[in-house]
Amino acid sequence: MLHCGHEGQTRKIMSRIHDRLQGRAILEMLDLRERIPGDIAGYQAVIAGASIRYGHFPKVMKRFVTKRAEELNRLPTAFFGVCLTARKPHKRTPESNVYLRKLLANILWQPSMSAAFAGALLYPRYRWYDRLAIRMIMRMTGGETDPTREIEYTDWDQVDAFADAFASGLPNPKPETQG
């Protein structure tokens, strides 16, 4: 389970998926900004998630999936993008979310499933420039502009359904041997 975000919402979503998959899979959660796995050959499946900032996924995530595309394409995999655009229900699918559609069209890795999840709007935590820029974007798209507010738009039922759908396609985990 690989994630890469900015203010912690991507990590929070990945933690929810991690908790949902407990007992169904052997799990390791890694923040790609802190550690990039050296080898994924031993993995049975991979879920990756990254947030959008100013229209782009983090470079570290794009580099990882580009470098490991061949390996990833041999495994059950899932990818989710986290963005404020997905606060609108009709912008949560790979086909309807421009950022997800653009990413998937430009990489060789084709995840078994993908989704766009709404993130959180955390004005008080942003640097002044980010607060100003995000407020302008939200004004243009009909979103919240009060710089004192924090709003979590994530649809946790959507996240749970995504985790359950991914889990349904996984092989049963091998029992740990004791010796």
C-alpha atoms as a PDB file:
ATOM      1  CA  MET A   1       0.000   0.000   0.000  1.00  0.00           C
ATOM      2  CA  LEU A   2       1.816   3.048  -1.293  1.00  0.00           C
ATOM      3  CA  HIS A   3       0.668   6.605  -0.766  1.00  0.00           C
ATOM      4  CA  CYS A   4       1.858  10.122  -1.328  1.00  0.00           C
ATOM      5  CA  GLY A   5       0.006  13.248  -0.262  1.00  0.00           C
ATOM      6  CA  HIS A   6       0.291  16.739   1.178  1.00  0.00           C
ATOM      7  CA  GLU A   7      -1.790  17.447   4.309  1.00  0.00           C
ATOM      8  CA  GLY A   8      -2.560  13.881   5.365  1.00  0.00           C
ATOM      9  CA  GLN A   9      -5.912  13.074   3.739  1.00  0.00           C
ATOM     10  CA  THR A  10      -4.373  10.556   1.329  1.00  0.00           C
ATOM     11  CA  ARG A  11      -2.697   8.817   4.273  1.00  0.00           C
ATOM     12  CA  LYS A  12      -6.013   8.862   6.154  1.00  0.00           C
ATOM     13  CA  ILE A  13      -7.806   7.265   3.186  1.00  0.00           C
ATOM     14  CA  MET A  14      -5.062   4.645   2.811  1.00  0.00           C
ATOM     15  CA  SER A  15      -5.283   3.895   6.538  1.00  0.00           C
ATOM     16  CA  ARG A  16      -9.012   3.295   6.159  1.00  0.00           C
ATOM     17  CA  ILE A  17      -8.376   0.888   3.259  1.00  0.00           C
ATOM     18  CA  HIS A  18      -5.605  -0.777   5.285  1.00  0.00           C
ATOM     19  CA  ASP A  19      -7.979  -1.303   8.228  1.00  0.00           C
ATOM     20  CA  ARG A  20     -10.702  -2.578   5.903  1.00  0.00           C
ATOM     21  CA  LEU A  21      -8.348  -5.171   4.380  1.00  0.00           C
ATOM     22  CA  GLN A  22      -6.967  -6.440   7.701  1.00  0.00           C
ATOM     23  CA  GLY A  23      -7.192 -10.222   7.755  1.00  0.00           C
ATOM     24  CA  ARG A  24      -7.791 -10.404   4.005  1.00  0.00           C
ATOM     25  CA  ALA A  25      -4.258  -9.591   2.947  1.00  0.00           C
ATOM     26  CA  ILE A  26      -0.777  -9.159   4.334  1.00  0.00           C
ATOM     27  CA  LEU A  27      -0.320  -5.416   4.409  1.00  0.00           C
ATOM     28  CA  GLU A  28       2.528  -2.944   4.421  1.00  0.00           C
ATOM     29  CA  MET A  29       1.833   0.771   4.197  1.00  0.00           C
ATOM     30  CA  LEU A  30       4.548   3.055   2.799  1.00  0.00           C
ATOM     31  CA  ASP A  31       4.708   6.790   2.226  1.00  0.00           C
ATOM     32  CA  LEU A  32       6.658   7.184  -1.018  1.00  0.00           C
ATOM     33  CA  ARG A  33       8.036  10.509   0.194  1.00  0.00           C
ATOM     34  CA  GLU A  34       9.732   8.641   3.052  1.00  0.00           C
ATOM     35  CA  ARG A  35      10.681   5.299   1.490  1.00  0.00           C
ATOM     36  CA  ILE A  36      10.454   3.730  -1.958  1.00  0.00           C
ATOM     37  CA  PRO A  37      10.275  -0.067  -1.922  1.00  0.00           C
ATOM     38  CA  GLY A  38      13.386  -1.643  -3.405  1.00  0.00           C
ATOM     39  CA  ASP A  39      11.606  -4.721  -4.658  1.00  0.00           C
ATOM     40  CA  ILE A  40       7.932  -5.511  -5.180  1.00  0.00           C
ATOM     41  CA  ALA A  41       8.497  -9.004  -6.561  1.00  0.00           C
ATOM     42  CA  GLY A  42       7.287 -10.522  -3.289  1.00  0.00           C
ATOM     43  CA  TYR A  43       4.094  -8.498  -3.209  1.00  0.00           C
ATOM     44  CA  GLN A  44       0.788 -10.268  -3.893  1.00  0.00           C
ATOM     45  CA  ALA A  45      -1.006  -7.015  -4.719  1.00  0.00           C
ATOM     46  CA  VAL A  46      -0.440  -3.260  -4.649  1.00  0.00           C
ATOM     47  CA  ILE A  47      -2.712  -0.332  -3.876  1.00  0.00           C
ATOM     48  CA  ALA A  48      -1.324   3.130  -4.575  1.00  0.00           C
ATOM     49  CA  GLY A  49      -2.872   6.467  -3.771  1.00  0.00           C
ATOM     50  CA  ALA A  50      -1.768  10.036  -4.381  1.00  0.00           C
ATOM     51  CA  SER A  51      -3.221  13.489  -4.060  1.00  0.00           C
ATOM     52  CA  ILE A  52      -3.498  16.186  -6.674  1.00  0.00           C
ATOM     53  CA  ARG A  53      -1.918  19.564  -6.084  1.00  0.00           C
ATOM     54  CA  TYR A  54      -2.431  22.253  -8.708  1.00  0.00           C
ATOM     55  CA  GLY A  55      -3.462  19.689 -11.307  1.00  0.00           C
ATOM     56  CA  HIS A  56      -0.595  17.252 -10.842  1.00  0.00           C
ATOM     57  CA  PHE A  57       0.154  14.044  -8.999  1.00  0.00           C
ATOM     58  CA  PRO A  58       3.444  14.006  -7.026  1.00  0.00           C
ATOM     59  CA  LYS A  59       6.485  13.308  -9.193  1.00  0.00           C
ATOM     60  CA  VAL A  60       7.683  10.562  -6.847  1.00  0.00           C
ATOM     61  CA  MET A  61       4.484   8.576  -7.498  1.00  0.00           C
ATOM     62  CA  LYS A  62       4.675   9.058 -11.258  1.00  0.00           C
ATOM     63  CA  ARG A  63       8.331   7.994 -11.293  1.00  0.00           C
ATOM     64  CA  PHE A  64       7.578   4.903  -9.217  1.00  0.00           C
ATOM     65  CA  VAL A  65       4.673   3.671 -11.355  1.00  0.00           C
ATOM     66  CA  THR A  66       6.584   4.437 -14.553  1.00  0.00           C
ATOM     67  CA  LYS A  67       9.682   2.545 -13.416  1.00  0.00           C
ATOM     68  CA  ARG A  68       7.654  -0.394 -12.053  1.00  0.00           C
ATOM     69  CA  ALA A  69       4.882  -0.560 -14.660  1.00  0.00           C
ATOM     70  CA  GLU A  70       5.826  -4.010 -15.948  1.00  0.00           C
ATOM     71  CA  GLU A  71       5.892  -5.502 -12.438  1.00  0.00           C
ATOM     72  CA  LEU A  72       2.683  -3.737 -11.424  1.00  0.00           C
ATOM     73  CA  ASN A  73       0.829  -4.953 -14.498  1.00  0.00           C
ATOM     74  CA  ARG A  74       1.459  -8.556 -13.394  1.00  0.00           C
ATOM     75  CA  LEU A  75      -0.272  -8.070 -10.031  1.00  0.00           C
ATOM     76  CA  PRO A  76      -3.761  -7.214  -8.824  1.00  0.00           C
ATOM     77  CA  THR A  77      -3.416  -3.453  -8.403  1.00  0.00           C
ATOM     78  CA  ALA A  78      -5.509  -0.422  -7.610  1.00  0.00           C
ATOM     79  CA  PHE A  79      -4.888   3.292  -7.775  1.00  0.00           C
ATOM     80  CA  PHE A  80      -6.813   6.170  -6.277  1.00  0.00           C
ATOM     81  CA  GLY A  81      -6.363   9.874  -6.725  1.00  0.00           C
ATOM     82  CA  VAL A  82      -7.411  12.351  -4.051  1.00  0.00           C
ATOM     83  CA  CYS A  83      -8.625  15.736  -5.172  1.00  0.00           C
ATOM     84  CA  LEU A  84     -11.170  18.395  -4.354  1.00  0.00           C
ATOM     85  CA  THR A  85     -12.732  18.037  -7.796  1.00  0.00           C
ATOM     86  CA  ALA A  86     -14.067  14.662  -6.628  1.00  0.00           C
ATOM     87  CA  ARG A  87     -16.221  16.437  -4.031  1.00  0.00           C
ATOM     88  CA  LYS A  88     -18.722  16.444  -6.895  1.00  0.00           C
ATOM     89  CA  PRO A  89     -20.119  12.885  -7.237  1.00  0.00           C
ATOM     90  CA  HIS A  90     -19.982  12.970 -11.036  1.00  0.00           C
ATOM     91  CA  LYS A  91     -16.173  13.553 -10.901  1.00  0.00           C
ATOM     92  CA  ARG A  92     -15.217  10.376  -8.979  1.00  0.00           C
ATOM     93  CA  THR A  93     -14.663   7.820 -11.723  1.00  0.00           C
ATOM     94  CA  PRO A  94     -11.579   7.221 -13.878  1.00  0.00           C
ATOM     95  CA  GLU A  95     -13.610   8.298 -16.892  1.00  0.00           C
ATOM     96  CA  SER A  96     -15.053  11.477 -15.373  1.00  0.00           C
ATOM     97  CA  ASN A  97     -12.088  12.734 -13.359  1.00  0.00           C
ATOM     98  CA  VAL A  98      -9.764  14.636 -15.659  1.00  0.00           C
ATOM     99  CA  TYR A  99      -6.668  14.162 -13.461  1.00  0.00           C
ATOM    100  CA  LEU A 100      -7.103  10.414 -13.144  1.00  0.00           C
ATOM    101  CA  ARG A 101      -7.980  10.004 -16.814  1.00  0.00           C
ATOM    102  CA  LYS A 102      -4.921  12.005 -17.868  1.00  0.00           C
ATOM    103  CA  LEU A 103      -2.566  10.065 -15.583  1.00  0.00           C
ATOM    104  CA  LEU A 104      -3.825   6.649 -16.689  1.00  0.00           C
ATOM    105  CA  ALA A 105      -3.595   7.637 -20.349  1.00  0.00           C
ATOM    106  CA  ASN A 106       0.046   8.645 -19.955  1.00  0.00           C
ATOM    107  CA  ILE A 107       1.547   5.736 -18.015  1.00  0.00           C
ATOM    108  CA  LEU A 108       2.157   2.113 -18.966  1.00  0.00           C
ATOM    109  CA  TRP A 109       0.783   0.766 -15.688  1.00  0.00           C
ATOM    110  CA  GLN A 110      -2.905  -0.028 -15.970  1.00  0.00           C
ATOM    111  CA  PRO A 111      -4.301  -0.735 -12.501  1.00  0.00           C
ATOM    112  CA  SER A 112      -6.952  -3.427 -12.116  1.00  0.00           C
ATOM    113  CA  MET A 113      -9.216  -0.759 -10.646  1.00  0.00           C
ATOM    114  CA  SER A 114      -9.061   2.957  -9.945  1.00  0.00           C
ATOM    115  CA  ALA A 115     -11.102   5.728  -8.383  1.00  0.00           C
ATOM    116  CA  ALA A 116     -11.028   9.385  -7.472  1.00  0.00           C
ATOM    117  CA  PHE A 117     -11.800  10.252  -3.861  1.00  0.00           C
ATOM    118  CA  ALA A 118     -12.685  13.671  -2.576  1.00  0.00           C
ATOM    119  CA  GLY A 119     -10.074  15.081  -0.258  1.00  0.00           C
ATOM    120  CA  ALA A 120     -10.277  17.646   2.486  1.00  0.00           C
ATOM    121  CA  LEU A 121     -10.199  21.414   2.309  1.00  0.00           C
ATOM    122  CA  LEU A 122      -7.957  22.556   5.165  1.00  0.00           C
ATOM    123  CA  TYR A 123      -7.535  26.300   4.747  1.00  0.00           C
ATOM    124  CA  PRO A 124      -6.010  27.036   8.201  1.00  0.00           C
ATOM    125  CA  ARG A 125      -3.221  24.477   7.584  1.00  0.00           C
ATOM    126  CA  TYR A 126      -2.168  25.868   4.184  1.00  0.00           C
ATOM    127  CA  ARG A 127       0.704  28.264   3.626  1.00  0.00           C
ATOM    128  CA  TRP A 128      -0.562  31.735   2.696  1.00  0.00           C
ATOM    129  CA  TYR A 129       0.126  31.241  -1.033  1.00  0.00           C
ATOM    130  CA  ASP A 130      -1.650  27.859  -1.141  1.00  0.00           C
ATOM    131  CA  ARG A 131      -4.599  29.256   0.820  1.00  0.00           C
ATOM    132  CA  LEU A 132      -4.925  32.114  -1.667  1.00  0.00           C
ATOM    133  CA  ALA A 133      -4.564  29.904  -4.755  1.00  0.00           C
ATOM    134  CA  ILE A 134      -6.911  27.161  -3.515  1.00  0.00           C
ATOM    135  CA  ARG A 135      -9.466  29.771  -2.468  1.00  0.00           C
ATOM    136  CA  MET A 136      -9.382  31.224  -5.991  1.00  0.00           C
ATOM    137  CA  ILE A 137      -9.814  27.737  -7.515  1.00  0.00           C
ATOM    138  CA  MET A 138     -12.703  26.998  -5.157  1.00  0.00           C
ATOM    139  CA  ARG A 139     -14.364  30.308  -6.032  1.00  0.00           C
ATOM    140  CA  MET A 140     -14.128  29.428  -9.749  1.00  0.00           C
ATOM    141  CA  THR A 141     -15.573  25.937  -9.176  1.00  0.00           C
ATOM    142  CA  GLY A 142     -18.344  26.898  -6.748  1.00  0.00           C
ATOM    143  CA  GLY A 143     -16.654  25.569  -3.617  1.00  0.00           C
ATOM    144  CA  GLU A 144     -16.098  26.778  -0.073  1.00  0.00           C
ATOM    145  CA  THR A 145     -14.032  29.969   0.173  1.00  0.00           C
ATOM    146  CA  ASP A 146     -14.076  30.745   3.911  1.00  0.00           C
ATOM    147  CA  PRO A 147     -10.354  30.646   4.828  1.00  0.00           C
ATOM    148  CA  THR A 148     -11.132  29.692   8.436  1.00  0.00           C
ATOM    149  CA  ARG A 149     -12.910  26.431   7.560  1.00  0.00           C
ATOM    150  CA  GLU A 150     -11.763  22.837   7.384  1.00  0.00           C
ATOM    151  CA  ILE A 151     -14.079  20.516   5.452  1.00  0.00           C
ATOM    152  CA  GLU A 152     -13.613  16.823   4.854  1.00  0.00           C
ATOM    153  CA  TYR A 153     -15.325  15.894   1.589  1.00  0.00           C
ATOM    154  CA  THR A 154     -14.167  12.256   1.519  1.00  0.00           C
ATOM    155  CA  ASP A 155     -17.042   9.827   0.949  1.00  0.00           C
ATOM    156  CA  TRP A 156     -16.064   7.030   3.345  1.00  0.00           C
ATOM    157  CA  ASP A 157     -18.724   4.704   1.912  1.00  0.00           C
ATOM    158  CA  GLN A 158     -17.017   5.066  -1.485  1.00  0.00           C
ATOM    159  CA  VAL A 159     -13.637   4.300   0.104  1.00  0.00           C
ATOM    160  CA  ASP A 160     -15.044   1.212   1.854  1.00  0.00           C
ATOM    161  CA  ALA A 161     -16.681  -0.036  -1.364  1.00  0.00           C
ATOM    162  CA  PHE A 162     -13.368   0.426  -3.209  1.00  0.00           C
ATOM    163  CA  ALA A 163     -11.477  -1.557  -0.540  1.00  0.00           C
ATOM    164  CA  ASP A 164     -14.106  -4.311  -0.520  1.00  0.00           C
ATOM    165  CA  ALA A 165     -14.098  -4.578  -4.319  1.00  0.00           C
ATOM    166  CA  PHE A 166     -10.311  -4.818  -4.354  1.00  0.00           C
ATOM    167  CA  ALA A 167     -10.317  -7.426  -1.575  1.00  0.00           C
ATOM    168  CA  SER A 168     -12.828  -9.571  -3.442  1.00  0.00           C
ATOM    169  CA  GLY A 169     -10.279 -10.093  -6.223  1.00  0.00           C
ATOM    170  CA  LEU A 170      -7.396 -11.061  -3.949  1.00  0.00           C
ATOM    171  CA  PRO A 171      -6.263 -14.590  -3.282  1.00  0.00           C
ATOM    172  CA  ASN A 172      -6.635 -15.748   0.303  1.00  0.00           C
ATOM    173  CA  PRO A 173      -3.524 -14.791   2.280  1.00  0.00           C
ATOM    174  CA  LYS A 174      -1.078 -17.557   3.011  1.00  0.00           C
ATOM    175  CA  PRO A 175      -1.205 -18.496   6.682  1.00  0.00           C
ATOM    176  CA  GLU A 176       1.890 -17.568   8.634  1.00  0.00           C
ATOM    177  CA  THR A 177       3.995 -20.568   9.518  1.00  0.00           C
ATOM    178  CA  GLN A 178       5.101 -21.052  13.072  1.00  0.00           C
ATOM    179  CA  GLY A 179       8.320 -22.783  13.786  1.00  0.00           C
END
